[in-house]
Amino acid sequence: MPHKPVTNKMYRNISLTFIVFALMILSAIFLFFYSQAVVIVTPDSQDINLSFNVEIRENPTLEQLAEQDVVYGKVESSARDESGSFDVLSTKTVSSTEIGKVKLINNSASNQPLMQTTQLQAENGVIVRTSQMVTVPAGGSVEASVYPKDPAVFSTIKSGKLTIIRLAAALQDKIYGEPIGELSNGPREVKVVSDGDVNRAKEELQKKVTQSARQEFKLSENNPLAVTITEFKTDRVAGEEAPAVNYTAKVKISTIAINKDQLNDLIKRKVEKLHLNGLNINNIDTSNVKYSVIEPDPGSEAVMIKVDYLLKAMLAADNSILDRKNFVGKTIDEVRNYAGKSELIKNVEIHVSPYWQKHLPGQEGRIKVIVK
């Protein structure tokens, strides 16, 4: 059988096929060598509270400074008494036969006892009774809980004078009551002393004394100062209804002269022991250290202080989270989801070349990770 002659058309088809395959091979080679990605990570700082005790000595040895939690310095302390009051912020809703409290005032020269169920009449004619017997001191006042004489006809008492009905007319202008807040027989919100109110008052007192002590001793914010509340007494206890609380307190003020270079070195040693691999720590600033003085043992040559310092830790480039093998062959969305699971990463930007590529390169060498 005779062979068909090779025509120009066949040559052309073979050439086109060769060219297509060549282009495919060249494209693959191009993508292999040109495909690359840059992952730009913006870290999110993490707070690490460093807390430890330090001995303050006036004549520390070199061995103590190198091996122990000791720094050179001096502490001078003084005490003062404080008093004041604070508003109660905590509340609760109550519903009971008692509708609130009244303040009983005595402007006469004699003490005035008032029996339980004493009747007080408001300016709108509504009558309430006291829940307990009280004695109103001459020139003073007391508080008493009250309840409606007739709940069926009771209406809210917001303010005004409460006349003591059975009291002699001549004394009614001198001895009388006033509502403490609104008197209402429905569910009502009352102020109740809580541990949170007391702690807030202590914090405010500490801030106030610290500020006044800095002015008194002419200390800048960079000079160490410790204010310790050694005693705090209130005229109300937790759980008691009251709009405000009076307090008395004893406060110790300590000025601390300390070698900040030695303290800085000590903080660095403490940080090294934390083994924060893959994290960078911000520069240590001893002006941000908080101090509190621990009562020394009798006869001790050293004063012990507690040091609190807030470290700022940031993701380092050598952190295993940023190992390039974690990104090889991943899609852009997969990398974003991976980064979003870490508290150490605030934001991530991914740039892939060529731009139409949806996946990062399959080789670690073609991926670059940058930490801002």
Protein backbone atom coordinates (compact mmCIF):
# COMPACT_ATOMS: atom_id res chain seq x y z
CA MET A 1 0.00 0.00 0.00
CA PRO A 2 1.46 3.29 -0.99
CA HIS A 3 2.40 5.84 1.76
CA LYS A 4 0.60 9.11 1.88
CA PRO A 5 2.84 11.98 1.17
CA VAL A 6 3.55 14.32 4.09
CA THR A 7 1.72 17.53 3.36
CA ASN A 8 2.39 21.05 4.54
CA LYS A 9 -0.78 20.86 6.63
CA MET A 10 0.56 17.91 8.59
CA TYR A 11 3.86 19.71 9.16
CA ARG A 12 1.90 22.70 10.42
CA ASN A 13 -0.13 20.61 12.89
CA ILE A 14 3.00 18.94 14.22
CA SER A 15 4.62 22.33 14.66
CA LEU A 16 1.61 23.78 16.49
CA THR A 17 1.46 20.78 18.81
CA PHE A 18 5.16 21.14 19.58
CA ILE A 19 4.74 24.86 20.23
CA VAL A 20 1.77 24.25 22.63
CA PHE A 21 3.72 21.65 24.60
CA ALA A 22 6.74 23.90 24.67
CA LEU A 23 4.65 26.78 25.98
CA MET A 24 3.16 24.55 28.66
CA ILE A 25 6.62 23.44 29.74
CA LEU A 26 7.87 27.02 29.73
CA SER A 27 4.81 28.14 31.76
CA ALA A 28 5.46 25.43 34.33
CA ILE A 29 9.11 26.42 34.54
CA PHE A 30 8.08 30.09 34.80
CA LEU A 31 5.62 29.41 37.61
CA PHE A 32 8.14 27.21 39.39
CA PHE A 33 10.83 29.86 39.42
CA TYR A 34 8.70 33.01 39.46
CA SER A 35 5.92 32.01 41.89
CA GLN A 36 6.56 33.54 45.31
CA ALA A 37 4.71 34.91 48.33
CA VAL A 38 5.27 37.48 51.04
CA VAL A 39 3.44 37.10 54.37
CA ILE A 40 3.48 40.33 56.41
CA VAL A 41 2.51 39.83 60.06
CA THR A 42 1.52 42.59 62.47
CA PRO A 43 1.94 41.20 66.00
CA ASP A 44 -0.41 41.93 68.90
CA SER A 45 1.30 42.70 72.20
CA GLN A 46 0.65 40.45 75.19
CA ASP A 47 0.76 41.63 78.80
CA ILE A 48 2.86 39.55 81.20
CA ASN A 49 2.84 40.60 84.84
CA LEU A 50 6.21 40.07 86.50
CA SER A 51 5.96 40.08 90.30
CA PHE A 52 8.69 39.29 92.82
CA ASN A 53 10.15 40.39 96.16
CA VAL A 54 13.38 42.35 96.43
CA GLU A 55 15.61 43.06 99.41
CA ILE A 56 16.69 46.67 99.74
CA ARG A 57 20.07 46.91 101.50
CA GLU A 58 22.26 49.91 102.18
CA ASN A 59 25.48 47.84 102.01
CA PRO A 60 24.91 44.83 99.76
CA THR A 61 27.85 42.63 98.82
CA LEU A 62 28.82 41.94 95.19
CA GLU A 63 27.84 38.31 95.69
CA GLN A 64 24.37 39.31 96.91
CA LEU A 65 23.88 41.63 93.94
CA ALA A 66 24.95 38.96 91.45
CA GLU A 67 23.15 35.92 92.86
CA GLN A 68 20.28 37.09 95.05
CA ASP A 69 17.21 39.32 94.68
CA VAL A 70 19.02 42.22 96.31
CA VAL A 71 19.57 45.82 95.22
CA TYR A 72 21.15 48.83 96.84
CA GLY A 73 18.75 51.36 98.30
CA LYS A 74 17.03 52.88 101.29
CA VAL A 75 13.40 53.00 102.45
CA GLU A 76 11.95 55.66 104.73
CA SER A 77 8.38 55.25 106.00
CA SER A 78 5.84 57.40 107.80
CA ALA A 79 2.25 56.79 108.89
CA ARG A 80 -0.86 58.94 108.77
CA ASP A 81 -4.55 58.66 109.61
CA GLU A 82 -7.20 59.21 106.95
CA SER A 83 -10.98 59.48 107.08
CA GLY A 84 -13.77 60.18 104.66
CA SER A 85 -16.83 58.72 102.98
CA PHE A 86 -17.74 57.09 99.70
CA ASP A 87 -20.97 56.59 97.77
CA VAL A 88 -22.39 53.09 97.46
CA LEU A 89 -22.84 52.05 93.81
CA SER A 90 -24.06 48.47 94.26
CA THR A 91 -27.83 47.97 94.22
CA LYS A 92 -30.45 45.27 94.56
CA THR A 93 -34.20 45.11 94.01
CA VAL A 94 -36.27 44.38 97.14
CA SER A 95 -39.95 43.78 97.80
CA SER A 96 -41.16 43.61 101.42
CA THR A 97 -43.60 45.09 103.90
CA GLU A 98 -40.99 47.76 104.65
CA ILE A 99 -41.04 50.56 102.09
CA GLY A 100 -37.79 52.32 102.92
CA LYS A 101 -36.08 54.36 105.58
CA VAL A 102 -36.66 57.74 107.19
CA LYS A 103 -34.31 60.08 108.97
CA LEU A 104 -35.66 61.12 112.38
CA ILE A 105 -34.40 64.56 113.40
CA ASN A 106 -34.39 66.06 116.92
CA ASN A 107 -33.70 69.78 117.20
CA SER A 108 -34.82 69.93 120.85
CA ALA A 109 -32.63 69.97 123.96
CA SER A 110 -33.70 66.47 125.15
CA ASN A 111 -33.44 62.95 123.85
CA GLN A 112 -36.70 61.70 122.38
CA PRO A 113 -37.60 57.97 122.53
CA LEU A 114 -40.02 56.77 119.87
CA MET A 115 -41.84 53.47 120.24
CA GLN A 116 -42.09 50.82 117.56
CA THR A 117 -45.10 51.56 115.29
CA THR A 118 -44.71 55.32 115.81
CA GLN A 119 -46.87 57.01 113.16
CA LEU A 120 -45.47 59.62 110.77
CA GLN A 121 -47.72 61.53 108.38
CA ALA A 122 -46.53 62.86 105.03
CA GLU A 123 -47.66 66.12 103.48
CA ASN A 124 -50.00 64.17 101.17
CA GLY A 125 -51.76 62.61 104.19
CA VAL A 126 -50.22 59.14 103.84
CA ILE A 127 -49.21 57.56 107.16
CA VAL A 128 -46.29 55.19 107.79
CA ARG A 129 -45.12 53.43 110.96
CA THR A 130 -41.61 52.77 112.30
CA SER A 131 -40.45 49.15 112.38
CA GLN A 132 -38.39 49.44 115.57
CA MET A 133 -38.02 51.49 118.73
CA VAL A 134 -35.42 54.25 118.52
CA THR A 135 -34.14 57.12 120.61
CA VAL A 136 -33.43 60.31 118.74
CA PRO A 137 -30.58 62.15 120.50
CA ALA A 138 -30.92 65.84 121.32
CA GLY A 139 -29.50 67.87 118.44
CA GLY A 140 -28.98 64.70 116.39
CA SER A 141 -30.72 62.17 114.18
CA VAL A 142 -31.21 58.44 113.61
CA GLU A 143 -32.50 56.28 110.78
CA ALA A 144 -35.48 53.93 111.02
CA SER A 145 -37.24 51.57 108.64
CA VAL A 146 -40.93 52.21 108.00
CA TYR A 147 -43.96 50.39 106.56
CA PRO A 148 -47.44 51.61 105.46
CA LYS A 149 -50.14 51.94 108.09
CA ASP A 150 -52.71 50.93 105.47
CA PRO A 151 -51.14 49.32 102.36
CA ALA A 152 -54.44 49.53 100.47
CA VAL A 153 -54.44 53.35 100.42
CA PHE A 154 -50.69 53.95 100.48
CA SER A 155 -49.17 56.15 97.79
CA THR A 156 -45.53 56.96 97.10
CA ILE A 157 -43.80 59.53 99.33
CA LYS A 158 -40.97 61.23 97.45
CA SER A 159 -39.89 64.01 99.82
CA GLY A 160 -41.06 66.50 102.42
CA LYS A 161 -41.55 66.63 106.16
CA LEU A 162 -42.99 63.65 108.07
CA THR A 163 -44.95 64.78 111.14
CA ILE A 164 -44.91 62.54 114.23
CA ILE A 165 -48.68 62.38 114.88
CA ARG A 166 -48.76 61.49 118.60
CA LEU A 167 -46.05 63.96 119.56
CA ALA A 168 -47.03 67.16 121.40
CA ALA A 169 -47.82 69.93 118.93
CA ALA A 170 -45.12 72.14 120.47
CA LEU A 171 -42.46 69.52 119.60
CA GLN A 172 -43.65 68.59 116.10
CA ASP A 173 -41.65 71.42 114.49
CA LYS A 174 -38.51 70.35 116.37
CA ILE A 175 -38.80 66.56 116.15
CA TYR A 176 -39.86 65.14 112.81
CA GLY A 177 -38.87 62.81 110.00
CA GLU A 178 -37.68 63.02 106.41
CA PRO A 179 -37.75 60.20 103.81
CA ILE A 180 -34.39 58.80 102.78
CA GLY A 181 -34.98 58.43 99.08
CA GLU A 182 -38.39 57.50 97.76
CA LEU A 183 -40.82 55.54 99.97
CA SER A 184 -42.67 53.09 97.73
CA ASN A 185 -44.53 49.83 98.40
CA GLY A 186 -43.61 48.31 95.01
CA PRO A 187 -40.38 46.51 94.15
CA ARG A 188 -37.63 49.07 94.67
CA GLU A 189 -33.95 49.39 94.04
CA VAL A 190 -31.84 50.05 97.11
CA LYS A 191 -28.16 50.78 97.64
CA VAL A 192 -26.37 47.85 99.27
CA VAL A 193 -22.78 47.97 100.50
CA SER A 194 -20.60 45.40 98.70
CA ASP A 195 -16.97 44.32 98.88
CA GLY A 196 -16.57 45.98 95.47
CA ASP A 197 -17.61 49.34 96.93
CA VAL A 198 -15.08 48.97 99.76
CA ASN A 199 -12.28 47.92 97.39
CA ARG A 200 -13.07 50.85 95.08
CA ALA A 201 -12.90 53.22 98.07
CA LYS A 202 -9.50 51.79 99.05
CA GLU A 203 -8.17 52.27 95.52
CA GLU A 204 -9.42 55.88 95.43
CA LEU A 205 -7.89 56.56 98.86
CA GLN A 206 -4.58 55.07 97.74
CA LYS A 207 -4.54 57.27 94.62
CA LYS A 208 -5.43 60.37 96.64
CA VAL A 209 -2.74 59.76 99.26
CA THR A 210 -0.15 58.93 96.57
CA GLN A 211 -0.85 62.19 94.77
CA SER A 212 -0.70 64.30 97.94
CA ALA A 213 2.48 62.51 99.13
CA ARG A 214 4.24 63.21 95.82
CA GLN A 215 3.39 66.88 96.20
CA GLU A 216 4.37 66.91 99.87
CA PHE A 217 7.75 65.20 99.31
CA LYS A 218 8.27 66.87 95.89
CA LEU A 219 8.59 63.53 94.12
CA SER A 220 8.16 63.13 90.38
CA GLU A 221 6.34 60.18 88.81
CA ASN A 222 9.73 58.52 88.25
CA ASN A 223 10.57 58.47 91.97
CA PRO A 224 9.50 55.18 93.64
CA LEU A 225 6.76 55.63 96.24
CA ALA A 226 4.72 52.97 98.05
CA VAL A 227 1.38 53.73 99.72
CA THR A 228 0.03 50.87 101.83
CA ILE A 229 -3.34 50.87 103.61
CA THR A 230 -2.63 49.02 106.84
CA GLU A 231 -6.11 49.44 108.35
CA PHE A 232 -9.51 50.31 106.86
CA LYS A 233 -12.67 50.48 108.98
CA THR A 234 -16.20 51.37 107.86
CA ASP A 235 -19.40 52.23 109.71
CA ARG A 236 -21.34 49.86 107.44
CA VAL A 237 -20.75 46.21 106.58
CA ALA A 238 -21.19 44.34 103.31
CA GLY A 239 -24.85 43.54 102.62
CA GLU A 240 -26.18 46.51 104.61
CA GLU A 241 -28.48 49.02 102.93
CA ALA A 242 -26.91 52.48 102.82
CA PRO A 243 -26.43 55.25 100.24
CA ALA A 244 -22.96 56.09 101.56
CA VAL A 245 -20.32 54.76 103.94
CA ASN A 246 -17.95 56.55 106.31
CA TYR A 247 -14.47 55.19 106.88
CA THR A 248 -11.30 55.64 108.90
CA ALA A 249 -7.96 54.33 107.74
CA LYS A 250 -4.29 54.06 108.64
CA VAL A 251 -1.88 54.54 105.75
CA LYS A 252 1.87 53.95 105.51
CA ILE A 253 3.84 56.06 103.05
CA SER A 254 7.27 54.80 102.02
CA THR A 255 9.76 56.69 99.88
CA ILE A 256 12.15 54.31 98.16
CA ALA A 257 15.64 55.32 97.04
CA ILE A 258 16.81 52.46 94.83
CA ASN A 259 19.61 51.75 92.38
CA LYS A 260 17.63 51.52 89.14
CA ASP A 261 20.47 49.98 87.13
CA GLN A 262 20.65 47.08 89.59
CA LEU A 263 16.87 46.75 89.53
CA ASN A 264 16.93 46.76 85.73
CA ASP A 265 19.51 43.93 85.72
CA LEU A 266 17.42 41.97 88.21
CA ILE A 267 14.28 42.32 86.06
CA LYS A 268 16.28 41.07 83.05
CA ARG A 269 17.37 37.99 85.02
CA LYS A 270 13.76 37.33 85.98
CA VAL A 271 12.64 37.67 82.36
CA GLU A 272 15.29 35.17 81.20
CA LYS A 273 13.90 32.61 83.64
CA LEU A 274 10.45 32.92 82.07
CA HIS A 275 11.73 31.14 78.93
CA LEU A 276 9.69 33.28 76.56
CA ASN A 277 10.91 31.53 73.41
CA GLY A 278 9.66 33.14 70.22
CA LEU A 279 8.70 36.38 71.94
CA ASN A 280 10.39 39.76 72.09
CA ILE A 281 10.18 41.78 75.30
CA ASN A 282 9.96 45.56 75.21
CA ASN A 283 12.74 47.65 76.70
CA ILE A 284 12.56 47.69 80.49
CA ASP A 285 11.50 51.05 81.94
CA THR A 286 11.94 51.10 85.72
CA SER A 287 9.78 54.24 85.96
CA ASN A 288 6.78 51.96 85.31
CA VAL A 289 7.56 49.63 88.22
CA LYS A 290 5.02 49.53 91.06
CA TYR A 291 6.24 49.00 94.61
CA SER A 292 4.75 47.92 97.91
CA VAL A 293 6.68 47.59 101.17
CA ILE A 294 6.51 44.34 103.13
CA GLU A 295 6.73 44.68 106.90
CA PRO A 296 10.36 43.86 107.88
CA ASP A 297 11.30 41.33 110.51
CA PRO A 298 12.40 42.92 113.82
CA GLY A 299 16.14 43.62 113.75
CA SER A 300 16.45 42.95 110.03
CA GLU A 301 19.08 44.98 108.17
CA ALA A 302 17.11 44.78 104.94
CA VAL A 303 13.70 46.05 103.87
CA MET A 304 11.66 43.77 101.63
CA ILE A 305 9.60 45.32 98.86
CA LYS A 306 7.29 43.73 96.33
CA VAL A 307 7.94 44.71 92.72
CA ASP A 308 5.22 44.53 90.06
CA TYR A 309 6.18 45.21 86.45
CA LEU A 310 4.04 44.81 83.34
CA LEU A 311 6.00 43.31 80.46
CA LYS A 312 4.93 43.79 76.85
CA ALA A 313 5.69 40.66 74.81
CA MET A 314 5.58 40.66 71.00
CA LEU A 315 5.76 37.87 68.45
CA ALA A 316 9.34 37.33 67.25
CA ALA A 317 10.32 36.37 63.69
CA ASP A 318 11.77 33.05 64.91
CA ASN A 319 8.52 31.96 66.56
CA SER A 320 7.43 28.50 65.39
CA ILE A 321 4.04 29.97 64.46
CA LEU A 322 5.76 31.78 61.61
CA ASP A 323 7.67 28.77 60.30
CA ARG A 324 7.34 28.87 56.50
CA LYS A 325 6.37 25.20 56.38
CA ASN A 326 3.04 26.26 57.93
CA PHE A 327 2.23 28.22 54.75
CA VAL A 328 3.53 25.93 51.99
CA GLY A 329 0.82 25.17 49.41
CA LYS A 330 -1.90 26.82 51.49
CA THR A 331 -4.57 29.04 49.98
CA ILE A 332 -4.67 32.70 50.95
CA ASP A 333 -7.83 32.12 53.03
CA GLU A 334 -6.23 29.15 54.81
CA VAL A 335 -3.27 31.33 55.83
CA ARG A 336 -5.63 34.05 57.08
CA ASN A 337 -7.62 31.54 59.14
CA TYR A 338 -4.41 30.06 60.54
CA ALA A 339 -3.14 33.49 61.62
CA GLY A 340 -6.52 34.46 63.06
CA LYS A 341 -6.36 31.61 65.58
CA SER A 342 -3.29 33.08 67.30
CA GLU A 343 -3.63 35.78 70.00
CA LEU A 344 -0.11 36.88 69.09
CA ILE A 345 -1.10 38.04 65.60
CA LYS A 346 -3.10 41.23 65.14
CA ASN A 347 -3.20 41.29 61.34
CA VAL A 348 -1.74 39.44 58.35
CA GLU A 349 -1.22 40.55 54.75
CA ILE A 350 -0.53 38.01 51.99
CA HIS A 351 0.95 38.95 48.61
CA VAL A 352 1.28 36.17 46.01
CA SER A 353 2.98 36.44 42.61
CA PRO A 354 1.76 36.08 39.98
CA TYR A 355 -1.34 37.85 41.22
CA TRP A 356 -3.81 35.28 39.87
CA GLN A 357 -2.34 32.51 41.98
CA LYS A 358 -4.72 31.33 44.77
CA HIS A 359 -2.14 29.18 46.54
CA LEU A 360 1.19 30.01 48.12
CA PRO A 361 4.24 28.33 46.57
CA GLY A 362 4.95 24.70 47.33
CA GLN A 363 8.57 25.43 48.32
CA GLU A 364 9.58 27.15 51.58
CA GLY A 365 12.31 29.07 49.77
CA ARG A 366 9.70 30.91 47.71
CA ILE A 367 7.89 32.24 50.84
CA LYS A 368 9.10 35.24 52.77
CA VAL A 369 7.72 36.09 56.23
CA ILE A 370 8.07 39.64 57.55
CA VAL A 371 7.18 40.77 61.07
CA LYS A 372 6.36 44.46 61.29
